[in-house]
Amino acid sequence: MSELTKRATVYLDPDLHKALRIKAAETERSISDLVNEAVKYALIEDSIDLKAFEERKNEPSFRFEDVLKKLKKNGKL
């Protein structure tokens, strides 16, 4: 382990832990590597979502109920 890594305790659902152990064995990677990669991709996805929200902040918003009424009125529902 690198001195730059931090230790954390994570509690997993037993079935997820079993699947993670199997994947680690089959891919010859550590559970830590797999968890780090998953967290990294989750954070990247969050940053992409935040960027999209920022880019669209000036777009008009519509109430869902109004959209449904309009679809019904136009015979699309």
PDB file of N, CA and C in Angstrom:
ATOM      1  N   MET A   1       0.827  -1.184   0.000  1.00  0.00           N
ATOM      2  CA  MET A   1       0.000   0.000   0.000  1.00  0.00           C
ATOM      3  C   MET A   1       0.874   1.252   0.000  1.00  0.00           C
ATOM      4  N   SER A   2       0.419   2.218  -0.716  1.00  0.00           N
ATOM      5  CA  SER A   2       1.121   3.495  -0.771  1.00  0.00           C
ATOM      6  C   SER A   2       0.886   4.280   0.513  1.00  0.00           C
ATOM      7  N   GLU A   3       1.850   5.106   0.886  1.00  0.00           N
ATOM      8  CA  GLU A   3       1.678   5.970   2.053  1.00  0.00           C
ATOM      9  C   GLU A   3       0.606   7.022   1.802  1.00  0.00           C
ATOM     10  N   LEU A   4       0.239   7.240   0.549  1.00  0.00           N
ATOM     11  CA  LEU A   4      -0.757   8.242   0.218  1.00  0.00           C
ATOM     12  C   LEU A   4      -2.185   7.726   0.373  1.00  0.00           C
ATOM     13  N   THR A   5      -2.358   6.436   0.593  1.00  0.00           N
ATOM     14  CA  THR A   5      -3.703   5.894   0.736  1.00  0.00           C
ATOM     15  C   THR A   5      -4.178   6.063   2.170  1.00  0.00           C
ATOM     16  N   LYS A   6      -5.504   6.119   2.318  1.00  0.00           N
ATOM     17  CA  LYS A   6      -6.124   6.246   3.629  1.00  0.00           C
ATOM     18  C   LYS A   6      -6.976   4.999   3.887  1.00  0.00           C
ATOM     19  N   ARG A   7      -6.983   4.578   5.107  1.00  0.00           N
ATOM     20  CA  ARG A   7      -7.751   3.407   5.499  1.00  0.00           C
ATOM     21  C   ARG A   7      -9.151   3.843   5.917  1.00  0.00           C
ATOM     22  N   ALA A   8     -10.163   3.063   5.504  1.00  0.00           N
ATOM     23  CA  ALA A   8     -11.549   3.350   5.871  1.00  0.00           C
ATOM     24  C   ALA A   8     -12.283   2.047   6.120  1.00  0.00           C
ATOM     25  N   THR A   9     -13.237   2.089   6.991  1.00  0.00           N
ATOM     26  CA  THR A   9     -14.082   0.923   7.232  1.00  0.00           C
ATOM     27  C   THR A   9     -15.379   1.134   6.474  1.00  0.00           C
ATOM     28  N   VAL A  10     -15.727   0.174   5.641  1.00  0.00           N
ATOM     29  CA  VAL A  10     -16.942   0.245   4.842  1.00  0.00           C
ATOM     30  C   VAL A  10     -17.742  -1.020   5.114  1.00  0.00           C
ATOM     31  N   TYR A  11     -19.019  -0.848   5.404  1.00  0.00           N
ATOM     32  CA  TYR A  11     -19.886  -1.994   5.647  1.00  0.00           C
ATOM     33  C   TYR A  11     -20.699  -2.265   4.391  1.00  0.00           C
ATOM     34  N   LEU A  12     -20.582  -3.486   3.877  1.00  0.00           N
ATOM     35  CA  LEU A  12     -21.253  -3.870   2.639  1.00  0.00           C
ATOM     36  C   LEU A  12     -22.330  -4.894   2.910  1.00  0.00           C
ATOM     37  N   ASP A  13     -23.342  -4.856   2.088  1.00  0.00           N
ATOM     38  CA  ASP A  13     -24.343  -5.907   2.094  1.00  0.00           C
ATOM     39  C   ASP A  13     -23.612  -7.230   1.832  1.00  0.00           C
ATOM     40  N   PRO A  14     -23.958  -8.309   2.537  1.00  0.00           N
ATOM     41  CA  PRO A  14     -23.230  -9.575   2.361  1.00  0.00           C
ATOM     42  C   PRO A  14     -23.186 -10.075   0.913  1.00  0.00           C
ATOM     43  N   ASP A  15     -24.271  -9.924   0.190  1.00  0.00           N
ATOM     44  CA  ASP A  15     -24.281 -10.383  -1.212  1.00  0.00           C
ATOM     45  C   ASP A  15     -23.366  -9.526  -2.085  1.00  0.00           C
ATOM     46  N   LEU A  16     -23.342  -8.222  -1.826  1.00  0.00           N
ATOM     47  CA  LEU A  16     -22.436  -7.350  -2.580  1.00  0.00           C
ATOM     48  C   LEU A  16     -20.983  -7.671  -2.261  1.00  0.00           C
ATOM     49  N   HIS A  17     -20.717  -7.958  -0.988  1.00  0.00           N
ATOM     50  CA  HIS A  17     -19.354  -8.310  -0.590  1.00  0.00           C
ATOM     51  C   HIS A  17     -18.907  -9.599  -1.278  1.00  0.00           C
ATOM     52  N   LYS A  18     -19.803 -10.575  -1.331  1.00  0.00           N
ATOM     53  CA  LYS A  18     -19.475 -11.841  -1.993  1.00  0.00           C
ATOM     54  C   LYS A  18     -19.167 -11.606  -3.476  1.00  0.00           C
ATOM     55  N   ALA A  19     -20.017 -10.811  -4.124  1.00  0.00           N
ATOM     56  CA  ALA A  19     -19.807 -10.517  -5.549  1.00  0.00           C
ATOM     57  C   ALA A  19     -18.495  -9.771  -5.753  1.00  0.00           C
ATOM     58  N   LEU A  20     -18.192  -8.857  -4.857  1.00  0.00           N
ATOM     59  CA  LEU A  20     -16.952  -8.085  -4.947  1.00  0.00           C
ATOM     60  C   LEU A  20     -15.732  -8.979  -4.760  1.00  0.00           C
ATOM     61  N   ARG A  21     -15.801  -9.898  -3.808  1.00  0.00           N
ATOM     62  CA  ARG A  21     -14.689 -10.844  -3.597  1.00  0.00           C
ATOM     63  C   ARG A  21     -14.465 -11.702  -4.831  1.00  0.00           C
ATOM     64  N   ILE A  22     -15.565 -12.173  -5.426  1.00  0.00           N
ATOM     65  CA  ILE A  22     -15.464 -13.020  -6.623  1.00  0.00           C
ATOM     66  C   ILE A  22     -14.864 -12.221  -7.780  1.00  0.00           C
ATOM     67  N   LYS A  23     -15.359 -10.991  -7.966  1.00  0.00           N
ATOM     68  CA  LYS A  23     -14.823 -10.164  -9.060  1.00  0.00           C
ATOM     69  C   LYS A  23     -13.347  -9.881  -8.842  1.00  0.00           C
ATOM     70  N   ALA A  24     -12.968  -9.599  -7.607  1.00  0.00           N
ATOM     71  CA  ALA A  24     -11.559  -9.333  -7.308  1.00  0.00           C
ATOM     72  C   ALA A  24     -10.700 -10.546  -7.657  1.00  0.00           C
ATOM     73  N   ALA A  25     -11.177 -11.726  -7.291  1.00  0.00           N
ATOM     74  CA  ALA A  25     -10.423 -12.944  -7.576  1.00  0.00           C
ATOM     75  C   ALA A  25     -10.329 -13.191  -9.079  1.00  0.00           C
ATOM     76  N   GLU A  26     -11.451 -13.018  -9.776  1.00  0.00           N
ATOM     77  CA  GLU A  26     -11.475 -13.299 -11.219  1.00  0.00           C
ATOM     78  C   GLU A  26     -10.653 -12.293 -12.019  1.00  0.00           C
ATOM     79  N   THR A  27     -10.565 -11.064 -11.534  1.00  0.00           N
ATOM     80  CA  THR A  27      -9.828 -10.040 -12.276  1.00  0.00           C
ATOM     81  C   THR A  27      -8.416  -9.843 -11.747  1.00  0.00           C
ATOM     82  N   GLU A  28      -8.073 -10.620 -10.716  1.00  0.00           N
ATOM     83  CA  GLU A  28      -6.760 -10.519 -10.081  1.00  0.00           C
ATOM     84  C   GLU A  28      -6.457  -9.098  -9.625  1.00  0.00           C
ATOM     85  N   ARG A  29      -7.481  -8.454  -9.066  1.00  0.00           N
ATOM     86  CA  ARG A  29      -7.344  -7.115  -8.501  1.00  0.00           C
ATOM     87  C   ARG A  29      -7.789  -7.170  -7.053  1.00  0.00           C
ATOM     88  N   SER A  30      -7.407  -6.195  -6.290  1.00  0.00           N
ATOM     89  CA  SER A  30      -7.820  -6.163  -4.890  1.00  0.00           C
ATOM     90  C   SER A  30      -9.216  -5.555  -4.767  1.00  0.00           C
ATOM     91  N   ILE A  31      -9.867  -5.883  -3.666  1.00  0.00           N
ATOM     92  CA  ILE A  31     -11.158  -5.264  -3.383  1.00  0.00           C
ATOM     93  C   ILE A  31     -10.984  -3.753  -3.284  1.00  0.00           C
ATOM     94  N   SER A  32      -9.903  -3.315  -2.668  1.00  0.00           N
ATOM     95  CA  SER A  32      -9.637  -1.875  -2.556  1.00  0.00           C
ATOM     96  C   SER A  32      -9.561  -1.208  -3.923  1.00  0.00           C
ATOM     97  N   ASP A  33      -8.881  -1.848  -4.874  1.00  0.00           N
ATOM     98  CA  ASP A  33      -8.796  -1.287  -6.229  1.00  0.00           C
ATOM     99  C   ASP A  33     -10.177  -1.163  -6.853  1.00  0.00           C
ATOM    100  N   LEU A  34     -10.993  -2.207  -6.704  1.00  0.00           N
ATOM    101  CA  LEU A  34     -12.330  -2.190  -7.292  1.00  0.00           C
ATOM    102  C   LEU A  34     -13.204  -1.114  -6.649  1.00  0.00           C
ATOM    103  N   VAL A  35     -13.136  -0.990  -5.332  1.00  0.00           N
ATOM    104  CA  VAL A  35     -13.933   0.019  -4.635  1.00  0.00           C
ATOM    105  C   VAL A  35     -13.450   1.416  -5.002  1.00  0.00           C
ATOM    106  N   ASN A  36     -12.140   1.635  -5.042  1.00  0.00           N
ATOM    107  CA  ASN A  36     -11.606   2.937  -5.438  1.00  0.00           C
ATOM    108  C   ASN A  36     -12.066   3.319  -6.839  1.00  0.00           C
ATOM    109  N   GLU A  37     -12.030   2.372  -7.756  1.00  0.00           N
ATOM    110  CA  GLU A  37     -12.461   2.640  -9.128  1.00  0.00           C
ATOM    111  C   GLU A  37     -13.945   2.987  -9.170  1.00  0.00           C
ATOM    112  N   ALA A  38     -14.767   2.248  -8.433  1.00  0.00           N
ATOM    113  CA  ALA A  38     -16.207   2.513  -8.414  1.00  0.00           C
ATOM    114  C   ALA A  38     -16.516   3.894  -7.843  1.00  0.00           C
ATOM    115  N   VAL A  39     -15.834   4.256  -6.766  1.00  0.00           N
ATOM    116  CA  VAL A  39     -16.046   5.569  -6.156  1.00  0.00           C
ATOM    117  C   VAL A  39     -15.589   6.662  -7.114  1.00  0.00           C
ATOM    118  N   LYS A  40     -14.458   6.445  -7.754  1.00  0.00           N
ATOM    119  CA  LYS A  40     -13.942   7.424  -8.720  1.00  0.00           C
ATOM    120  C   LYS A  40     -14.954   7.666  -9.830  1.00  0.00           C
ATOM    121  N   TYR A  41     -15.510   6.590 -10.406  1.00  0.00           N
ATOM    122  CA  TYR A  41     -16.482   6.745 -11.485  1.00  0.00           C
ATOM    123  C   TYR A  41     -17.773   7.394 -10.995  1.00  0.00           C
ATOM    124  N   ALA A  42     -18.191   7.096  -9.770  1.00  0.00           N
ATOM    125  CA  ALA A  42     -19.384   7.737  -9.213  1.00  0.00           C
ATOM    126  C   ALA A  42     -19.166   9.243  -9.063  1.00  0.00           C
ATOM    127  N   LEU A  43     -17.988   9.635  -8.597  1.00  0.00           N
ATOM    128  CA  LEU A  43     -17.688  11.060  -8.441  1.00  0.00           C
ATOM    129  C   LEU A  43     -17.569  11.759  -9.793  1.00  0.00           C
ATOM    130  N   ILE A  44     -17.010  11.083 -10.775  1.00  0.00           N
ATOM    131  CA  ILE A  44     -16.936  11.658 -12.130  1.00  0.00           C
ATOM    132  C   ILE A  44     -18.343  11.873 -12.670  1.00  0.00           C
ATOM    133  N   GLU A  45     -19.220  10.880 -12.470  1.00  0.00           N
ATOM    134  CA  GLU A  45     -20.602  11.002 -12.934  1.00  0.00           C
ATOM    135  C   GLU A  45     -21.292  12.181 -12.243  1.00  0.00           C
ATOM    136  N   ASP A  46     -21.060  12.336 -10.942  1.00  0.00           N
ATOM    137  CA  ASP A  46     -21.637  13.476 -10.218  1.00  0.00           C
ATOM    138  C   ASP A  46     -21.141  14.792 -10.791  1.00  0.00           C
ATOM    139  N   SER A  47     -19.857  14.875 -11.103  1.00  0.00           N
ATOM    140  CA  SER A  47     -19.314  16.135 -11.636  1.00  0.00           C
ATOM    141  C   SER A  47     -19.897  16.436 -13.016  1.00  0.00           C
ATOM    142  N   ILE A  48     -20.139  15.408 -13.808  1.00  0.00           N
ATOM    143  CA  ILE A  48     -20.767  15.600 -15.123  1.00  0.00           C
ATOM    144  C   ILE A  48     -22.201  16.104 -14.948  1.00  0.00           C
ATOM    145  N   ASP A  49     -22.923  15.521 -13.988  1.00  0.00           N
ATOM    146  CA  ASP A  49     -24.291  15.970 -13.714  1.00  0.00           C
ATOM    147  C   ASP A  49     -24.309  17.423 -13.254  1.00  0.00           C
ATOM    148  N   LEU A  50     -23.394  17.783 -12.353  1.00  0.00           N
ATOM    149  CA  LEU A  50     -23.346  19.162 -11.870  1.00  0.00           C
ATOM    150  C   LEU A  50     -23.030  20.144 -12.996  1.00  0.00           C
ATOM    151  N   LYS A  51     -22.152  19.736 -13.897  1.00  0.00           N
ATOM    152  CA  LYS A  51     -21.830  20.586 -15.041  1.00  0.00           C
ATOM    153  C   LYS A  51     -23.061  20.778 -15.926  1.00  0.00           C
ATOM    154  N   ALA A  52     -23.817  19.703 -16.152  1.00  0.00           N
ATOM    155  CA  ALA A  52     -25.030  19.790 -16.970  1.00  0.00           C
ATOM    156  C   ALA A  52     -26.065  20.701 -16.304  1.00  0.00           C
ATOM    157  N   PHE A  53     -26.212  20.585 -14.984  1.00  0.00           N
ATOM    158  CA  PHE A  53     -27.146  21.464 -14.279  1.00  0.00           C
ATOM    159  C   PHE A  53     -26.735  22.923 -14.442  1.00  0.00           C
ATOM    160  N   GLU A  54     -25.453  23.185 -14.310  1.00  0.00           N
ATOM    161  CA  GLU A  54     -24.946  24.549 -14.442  1.00  0.00           C
ATOM    162  C   GLU A  54     -25.204  25.087 -15.846  1.00  0.00           C
ATOM    163  N   GLU A  55     -24.966  24.263 -16.869  1.00  0.00           N
ATOM    164  CA  GLU A  55     -25.158  24.690 -18.255  1.00  0.00           C
ATOM    165  C   GLU A  55     -26.625  24.955 -18.571  1.00  0.00           C
ATOM    166  N   ARG A  56     -27.540  24.269 -17.850  1.00  0.00           N
ATOM    167  CA  ARG A  56     -28.958  24.391 -18.164  1.00  0.00           C
ATOM    168  C   ARG A  56     -29.725  25.258 -17.166  1.00  0.00           C
ATOM    169  N   LYS A  57     -29.021  25.944 -16.271  1.00  0.00           N
ATOM    170  CA  LYS A  57     -29.702  26.680 -15.200  1.00  0.00           C
ATOM    171  C   LYS A  57     -30.611  27.799 -15.696  1.00  0.00           C
ATOM    172  N   ASN A  58     -30.363  28.316 -16.879  1.00  0.00           N
ATOM    173  CA  ASN A  58     -31.183  29.406 -17.408  1.00  0.00           C
ATOM    174  C   ASN A  58     -32.328  28.924 -18.292  1.00  0.00           C
ATOM    175  N   GLU A  59     -32.446  27.626 -18.490  1.00  0.00           N
ATOM    176  CA  GLU A  59     -33.555  27.101 -19.286  1.00  0.00           C
ATOM    177  C   GLU A  59     -34.846  27.191 -18.485  1.00  0.00           C
ATOM    178  N   PRO A  60     -35.957  27.408 -19.183  1.00  0.00           N
ATOM    179  CA  PRO A  60     -37.230  27.459 -18.444  1.00  0.00           C
ATOM    180  C   PRO A  60     -37.570  26.089 -17.860  1.00  0.00           C
ATOM    181  N   SER A  61     -38.280  26.104 -16.757  1.00  0.00           N
ATOM    182  CA  SER A  61     -38.720  24.844 -16.164  1.00  0.00           C
ATOM    183  C   SER A  61     -40.238  24.765 -16.252  1.00  0.00           C
ATOM    184  N   PHE A  62     -40.738  23.546 -16.252  1.00  0.00           N
ATOM    185  CA  PHE A  62     -42.164  23.306 -16.381  1.00  0.00           C
ATOM    186  C   PHE A  62     -42.618  22.373 -15.272  1.00  0.00           C
ATOM    187  N   ARG A  63     -43.812  22.624 -14.782  1.00  0.00           N
ATOM    188  CA  ARG A  63     -44.379  21.700 -13.803  1.00  0.00           C
ATOM    189  C   ARG A  63     -44.816  20.443 -14.521  1.00  0.00           C
ATOM    190  N   PHE A  64     -44.559  19.297 -13.921  1.00  0.00           N
ATOM    191  CA  PHE A  64     -44.895  18.019 -14.535  1.00  0.00           C
ATOM    192  C   PHE A  64     -46.393  17.936 -14.830  1.00  0.00           C
ATOM    193  N   GLU A  65     -47.202  18.427 -13.887  1.00  0.00           N
ATOM    194  CA  GLU A  65     -48.652  18.386 -14.070  1.00  0.00           C
ATOM    195  C   GLU A  65     -49.082  19.162 -15.313  1.00  0.00           C
ATOM    196  N   ASP A  66     -48.432  20.300 -15.567  1.00  0.00           N
ATOM    197  CA  ASP A  66     -48.763  21.108 -16.743  1.00  0.00           C
ATOM    198  C   ASP A  66     -48.382  20.393 -18.033  1.00  0.00           C
ATOM    199  N   VAL A  67     -47.254  19.718 -18.019  1.00  0.00           N
ATOM    200  CA  VAL A  67     -46.830  18.968 -19.202  1.00  0.00           C
ATOM    201  C   VAL A  67     -47.822  17.847 -19.490  1.00  0.00           C
ATOM    202  N   LEU A  68     -48.261  17.134 -18.458  1.00  0.00           N
ATOM    203  CA  LEU A  68     -49.247  16.067 -18.650  1.00  0.00           C
ATOM    204  C   LEU A  68     -50.555  16.611 -19.209  1.00  0.00           C
ATOM    205  N   LYS A  69     -51.026  17.745 -18.682  1.00  0.00           N
ATOM    206  CA  LYS A  69     -52.265  18.363 -19.171  1.00  0.00           C
ATOM    207  C   LYS A  69     -52.138  18.708 -20.650  1.00  0.00           C
ATOM    208  N   LYS A  70     -50.998  19.257 -21.024  1.00  0.00           N
ATOM    209  CA  LYS A  70     -50.792  19.642 -22.430  1.00  0.00           C
ATOM    210  C   LYS A  70     -50.766  18.405 -23.328  1.00  0.00           C
ATOM    211  N   LEU A  71     -50.121  17.339 -22.881  1.00  0.00           N
ATOM    212  CA  LEU A  71     -50.090  16.107 -23.672  1.00  0.00           C
ATOM    213  C   LEU A  71     -51.490  15.538 -23.842  1.00  0.00           C
ATOM    214  N   LYS A  72     -52.267  15.557 -22.769  1.00  0.00           N
ATOM    215  CA  LYS A  72     -53.664  15.059 -22.856  1.00  0.00           C
ATOM    216  C   LYS A  72     -54.474  15.927 -23.790  1.00  0.00           C
ATOM    217  N   LYS A  73     -54.327  17.255 -23.673  1.00  0.00           N
ATOM    218  CA  LYS A  73     -55.062  18.177 -24.514  1.00  0.00           C
ATOM    219  C   LYS A  73     -54.751  17.958 -25.991  1.00  0.00           C
ATOM    220  N   ASN A  74     -53.489  17.644 -26.302  1.00  0.00           N
ATOM    221  CA  ASN A  74     -53.077  17.438 -27.685  1.00  0.00           C
ATOM    222  C   ASN A  74     -53.298  16.011 -28.162  1.00  0.00           C
ATOM    223  N   GLY A  75     -53.928  15.178 -27.323  1.00  0.00           N
ATOM    224  CA  GLY A  75     -54.240  13.797 -27.709  1.00  0.00           C
ATOM    225  C   GLY A  75     -53.049  12.866 -27.732  1.00  0.00           C
ATOM    226  N   LYS A  76     -52.003  13.225 -27.069  1.00  0.00           N
ATOM    227  CA  LYS A  76     -50.808  12.365 -27.062  1.00  0.00           C
ATOM    228  C   LYS A  76     -50.821  11.395 -25.897  1.00  0.00           C
ATOM    229  N   LEU A  77     -51.729  11.615 -24.950  1.00  0.00           N
ATOM    230  CA  LEU A  77     -51.911  10.682 -23.828  1.00  0.00           C
ATOM    231  C   LEU A  77     -53.359  10.279 -23.753  1.00  0.00           C
TER     232      LEU A  77
END
